[in-house]
Amino acid sequence: MSMKIYVGNLPHQMTETELQTIFAEAGNVVSAKIITDRQTGQPRGFGFVEMETKAEGRRAISTINTRNVDGRALTVNEAKPQKSGFGGRGGQWR
């Protein structure tokens, strides 16, 4: 079973290929995605990596968390499940 990992404090110039390369050190990467702003298209400084197995995910977290990349210490931990529903302001209409 795969494991989805949250990666924060990414350098803004990092590419998804570079992100995947870093995590490949810990095992097989299923996907690597850097989240961008919907309006500007600019990176938001975080992303998600899916590792093929939970063991590889745990290895990635333990070896890559706090690693310095381009002067920034990465924050790496297991991603929390995405909340269902329509995001935004808690369902309140304004």
N, C-alpha and C. Protein backbone atom coordinates (compact mmCIF):
# COMPACT_ATOMS: atom_id res chain seq x y z
N MET A 1 0.85 -1.19 0.00
CA MET A 1 0.00 0.00 0.00
C MET A 1 0.89 1.24 0.00
N SER A 2 0.51 2.23 -0.77
CA SER A 2 1.33 3.44 -0.89
C SER A 2 1.12 4.39 0.29
N MET A 3 2.00 5.39 0.37
CA MET A 3 1.91 6.40 1.42
C MET A 3 2.07 7.77 0.78
N LYS A 4 1.14 8.67 1.11
CA LYS A 4 1.21 10.04 0.62
C LYS A 4 1.90 10.90 1.68
N ILE A 5 2.84 11.72 1.24
CA ILE A 5 3.67 12.51 2.14
C ILE A 5 3.53 13.99 1.81
N TYR A 6 3.38 14.80 2.84
CA TYR A 6 3.37 16.27 2.71
C TYR A 6 4.82 16.75 2.79
N VAL A 7 5.18 17.68 1.90
CA VAL A 7 6.52 18.27 1.91
C VAL A 7 6.35 19.79 1.94
N GLY A 8 6.81 20.42 3.02
CA GLY A 8 6.68 21.87 3.15
C GLY A 8 8.01 22.57 3.13
N ASN A 9 7.94 23.90 2.99
CA ASN A 9 9.11 24.78 2.96
C ASN A 9 9.99 24.52 1.73
N LEU A 10 9.33 24.21 0.60
CA LEU A 10 10.07 23.96 -0.63
C LEU A 10 10.62 25.26 -1.20
N PRO A 11 11.82 25.22 -1.77
CA PRO A 11 12.33 26.40 -2.48
C PRO A 11 11.40 26.68 -3.67
N HIS A 12 11.10 27.93 -3.93
CA HIS A 12 10.13 28.27 -4.98
C HIS A 12 10.60 27.92 -6.38
N GLN A 13 11.91 27.75 -6.58
CA GLN A 13 12.41 27.40 -7.91
C GLN A 13 12.48 25.89 -8.13
N MET A 14 12.14 25.09 -7.12
CA MET A 14 12.22 23.63 -7.24
C MET A 14 11.19 23.12 -8.25
N THR A 15 11.59 22.12 -9.02
CA THR A 15 10.68 21.49 -9.98
C THR A 15 10.19 20.16 -9.42
N GLU A 16 9.12 19.64 -10.02
CA GLU A 16 8.59 18.35 -9.59
C GLU A 16 9.61 17.24 -9.86
N THR A 17 10.38 17.37 -10.92
CA THR A 17 11.42 16.38 -11.22
C THR A 17 12.48 16.37 -10.12
N GLU A 18 12.90 17.55 -9.65
CA GLU A 18 13.88 17.63 -8.57
C GLU A 18 13.31 17.03 -7.28
N LEU A 19 12.04 17.32 -7.01
CA LEU A 19 11.39 16.77 -5.82
C LEU A 19 11.37 15.25 -5.89
N GLN A 20 11.02 14.72 -7.04
CA GLN A 20 10.98 13.27 -7.22
C GLN A 20 12.37 12.66 -7.04
N THR A 21 13.39 13.31 -7.54
CA THR A 21 14.77 12.82 -7.42
C THR A 21 15.20 12.72 -5.96
N ILE A 22 14.86 13.73 -5.16
CA ILE A 22 15.21 13.72 -3.74
C ILE A 22 14.56 12.51 -3.05
N PHE A 23 13.28 12.29 -3.31
CA PHE A 23 12.57 11.21 -2.63
C PHE A 23 12.91 9.83 -3.18
N ALA A 24 13.41 9.75 -4.39
CA ALA A 24 13.81 8.47 -4.96
C ALA A 24 14.96 7.84 -4.18
N GLU A 25 15.69 8.65 -3.41
CA GLU A 25 16.75 8.12 -2.55
C GLU A 25 16.18 7.15 -1.50
N ALA A 26 14.92 7.34 -1.14
CA ALA A 26 14.29 6.52 -0.10
C ALA A 26 13.48 5.35 -0.66
N GLY A 27 13.28 5.32 -1.98
CA GLY A 27 12.49 4.23 -2.56
C GLY A 27 11.79 4.66 -3.83
N ASN A 28 10.79 3.88 -4.22
CA ASN A 28 10.06 4.13 -5.46
C ASN A 28 9.02 5.22 -5.29
N VAL A 29 9.12 6.26 -6.11
CA VAL A 29 8.18 7.38 -6.06
C VAL A 29 7.08 7.13 -7.09
N VAL A 30 5.83 7.14 -6.64
CA VAL A 30 4.69 6.97 -7.52
C VAL A 30 4.38 8.30 -8.21
N SER A 31 4.39 9.39 -7.43
CA SER A 31 4.12 10.72 -7.99
C SER A 31 4.72 11.79 -7.10
N ALA A 32 4.99 12.95 -7.70
CA ALA A 32 5.49 14.12 -6.97
C ALA A 32 4.79 15.34 -7.56
N LYS A 33 4.15 16.12 -6.71
CA LYS A 33 3.36 17.27 -7.17
C LYS A 33 3.66 18.48 -6.30
N ILE A 34 4.04 19.60 -6.93
CA ILE A 34 4.22 20.87 -6.23
C ILE A 34 2.94 21.68 -6.45
N ILE A 35 2.37 22.17 -5.37
CA ILE A 35 1.10 22.90 -5.43
C ILE A 35 1.37 24.34 -5.84
N THR A 36 0.55 24.82 -6.79
CA THR A 36 0.70 26.20 -7.28
C THR A 36 -0.57 27.00 -6.99
N ASP A 37 -0.41 28.31 -6.94
CA ASP A 37 -1.53 29.23 -6.73
C ASP A 37 -2.42 29.18 -7.97
N ARG A 38 -3.71 29.09 -7.79
CA ARG A 38 -4.64 29.00 -8.92
C ARG A 38 -4.64 30.25 -9.79
N GLN A 39 -4.47 31.40 -9.17
CA GLN A 39 -4.54 32.65 -9.93
C GLN A 39 -3.22 33.02 -10.60
N THR A 40 -2.11 32.87 -9.87
CA THR A 40 -0.83 33.31 -10.41
C THR A 40 -0.01 32.19 -11.04
N GLY A 41 -0.30 30.95 -10.68
CA GLY A 41 0.47 29.83 -11.19
C GLY A 41 1.81 29.67 -10.50
N GLN A 42 2.10 30.50 -9.52
CA GLN A 42 3.36 30.44 -8.79
C GLN A 42 3.32 29.34 -7.73
N PRO A 43 4.45 28.68 -7.47
CA PRO A 43 4.49 27.64 -6.44
C PRO A 43 4.13 28.22 -5.07
N ARG A 44 3.41 27.44 -4.27
CA ARG A 44 2.99 27.88 -2.94
C ARG A 44 3.95 27.43 -1.84
N GLY A 45 5.03 26.73 -2.21
CA GLY A 45 6.03 26.35 -1.22
C GLY A 45 5.80 25.00 -0.55
N PHE A 46 4.84 24.22 -1.06
CA PHE A 46 4.63 22.89 -0.52
C PHE A 46 4.14 21.96 -1.63
N GLY A 47 4.20 20.68 -1.33
CA GLY A 47 3.76 19.70 -2.31
C GLY A 47 3.50 18.36 -1.66
N PHE A 48 3.26 17.36 -2.50
CA PHE A 48 2.98 16.02 -2.02
C PHE A 48 3.75 15.01 -2.85
N VAL A 49 4.24 13.98 -2.17
CA VAL A 49 4.94 12.88 -2.82
C VAL A 49 4.24 11.60 -2.39
N GLU A 50 4.00 10.72 -3.34
CA GLU A 50 3.43 9.42 -3.01
C GLU A 50 4.51 8.37 -3.21
N MET A 51 4.81 7.66 -2.12
CA MET A 51 5.80 6.58 -2.17
C MET A 51 5.06 5.26 -2.38
N GLU A 52 5.71 4.30 -3.03
CA GLU A 52 5.06 3.05 -3.40
C GLU A 52 4.61 2.22 -2.20
N THR A 53 5.40 2.21 -1.12
CA THR A 53 5.02 1.43 0.07
C THR A 53 5.11 2.30 1.32
N LYS A 54 4.44 1.86 2.36
CA LYS A 54 4.50 2.59 3.64
C LYS A 54 5.92 2.57 4.20
N ALA A 55 6.63 1.46 4.03
CA ALA A 55 8.01 1.37 4.53
C ALA A 55 8.90 2.41 3.84
N GLU A 56 8.72 2.57 2.53
CA GLU A 56 9.49 3.59 1.80
C GLU A 56 9.08 4.99 2.23
N GLY A 57 7.80 5.17 2.52
CA GLY A 57 7.32 6.46 3.01
C GLY A 57 7.93 6.82 4.35
N ARG A 58 7.95 5.86 5.26
CA ARG A 58 8.54 6.10 6.57
C ARG A 58 10.04 6.39 6.45
N ARG A 59 10.72 5.66 5.54
CA ARG A 59 12.14 5.90 5.32
C ARG A 59 12.36 7.32 4.77
N ALA A 60 11.51 7.74 3.85
CA ALA A 60 11.63 9.08 3.28
C ALA A 60 11.44 10.15 4.35
N ILE A 61 10.45 9.96 5.21
CA ILE A 61 10.19 10.93 6.28
C ILE A 61 11.39 11.03 7.20
N SER A 62 11.93 9.88 7.62
CA SER A 62 13.03 9.90 8.58
C SER A 62 14.34 10.43 7.98
N THR A 63 14.55 10.23 6.69
CA THR A 63 15.83 10.66 6.10
C THR A 63 15.79 12.05 5.46
N ILE A 64 14.60 12.52 5.06
CA ILE A 64 14.53 13.79 4.33
C ILE A 64 14.01 14.94 5.19
N ASN A 65 13.23 14.64 6.25
CA ASN A 65 12.71 15.71 7.11
C ASN A 65 13.87 16.54 7.66
N THR A 66 13.76 17.83 7.57
CA THR A 66 14.73 18.86 7.99
C THR A 66 15.96 18.95 7.08
N ARG A 67 15.99 18.20 5.97
CA ARG A 67 17.12 18.33 5.04
C ARG A 67 17.16 19.74 4.46
N ASN A 68 18.35 20.29 4.37
CA ASN A 68 18.54 21.63 3.83
C ASN A 68 18.64 21.55 2.30
N VAL A 69 17.72 22.23 1.63
CA VAL A 69 17.72 22.29 0.17
C VAL A 69 17.65 23.76 -0.22
N ASP A 70 18.69 24.25 -0.86
CA ASP A 70 18.77 25.66 -1.28
C ASP A 70 18.50 26.61 -0.11
N GLY A 71 19.06 26.29 1.06
CA GLY A 71 18.94 27.15 2.23
C GLY A 71 17.64 27.02 2.99
N ARG A 72 16.82 26.04 2.65
CA ARG A 72 15.53 25.86 3.33
C ARG A 72 15.46 24.45 3.91
N ALA A 73 15.06 24.35 5.17
CA ALA A 73 14.90 23.05 5.82
C ALA A 73 13.53 22.48 5.47
N LEU A 74 13.50 21.37 4.76
CA LEU A 74 12.23 20.77 4.36
C LEU A 74 11.47 20.21 5.55
N THR A 75 10.16 20.33 5.50
CA THR A 75 9.28 19.72 6.49
C THR A 75 8.61 18.55 5.80
N VAL A 76 8.83 17.34 6.32
CA VAL A 76 8.32 16.14 5.67
C VAL A 76 7.57 15.29 6.69
N ASN A 77 6.29 15.01 6.41
CA ASN A 77 5.52 14.12 7.28
C ASN A 77 4.38 13.48 6.50
N GLU A 78 3.75 12.49 7.10
CA GLU A 78 2.65 11.81 6.42
C GLU A 78 1.51 12.79 6.19
N ALA A 79 0.98 12.78 4.98
CA ALA A 79 -0.12 13.70 4.64
C ALA A 79 -1.38 13.29 5.37
N LYS A 80 -2.13 14.28 5.80
CA LYS A 80 -3.42 14.03 6.45
C LYS A 80 -4.45 13.82 5.35
N PRO A 81 -5.46 12.99 5.60
CA PRO A 81 -6.50 12.78 4.58
C PRO A 81 -7.18 14.09 4.23
N GLN A 82 -7.47 14.24 2.94
CA GLN A 82 -8.13 15.46 2.47
C GLN A 82 -9.56 15.46 2.96
N LYS A 83 -10.00 16.61 3.47
CA LYS A 83 -11.37 16.73 3.95
C LYS A 83 -12.31 16.74 2.76
N SER A 84 -13.46 16.08 2.93
CA SER A 84 -14.44 16.06 1.85
C SER A 84 -15.29 17.33 1.92
N GLY A 85 -15.97 17.61 0.86
CA GLY A 85 -16.82 18.79 0.83
C GLY A 85 -16.25 19.85 -0.08
N PHE A 86 -16.81 21.00 0.02
CA PHE A 86 -16.42 22.10 -0.85
C PHE A 86 -15.49 23.04 -0.13
N GLY A 87 -14.37 23.04 0.06
CA GLY A 87 -13.44 23.94 0.74
C GLY A 87 -13.99 25.33 0.97
N GLY A 88 -13.16 26.25 1.18
CA GLY A 88 -13.61 27.62 1.35
C GLY A 88 -13.88 27.98 2.79
N ARG A 89 -14.95 28.71 3.00
CA ARG A 89 -15.24 29.31 4.30
C ARG A 89 -16.18 28.45 5.15
N GLY A 90 -15.90 27.19 5.24
CA GLY A 90 -16.71 26.33 6.10
C GLY A 90 -18.14 26.18 5.66
N GLY A 91 -18.41 26.37 4.37
CA GLY A 91 -19.75 26.21 3.85
C GLY A 91 -20.64 27.42 4.05
N GLN A 92 -20.10 28.50 4.56
CA GLN A 92 -20.92 29.69 4.77
C GLN A 92 -20.96 30.51 3.48
N TRP A 93 -22.15 30.96 3.13
CA TRP A 93 -22.29 31.80 1.94
C TRP A 93 -22.11 33.25 2.34
N ARG A 94 -21.42 33.98 1.54
CA ARG A 94 -21.23 35.42 1.81
C ARG A 94 -21.55 36.22 0.60
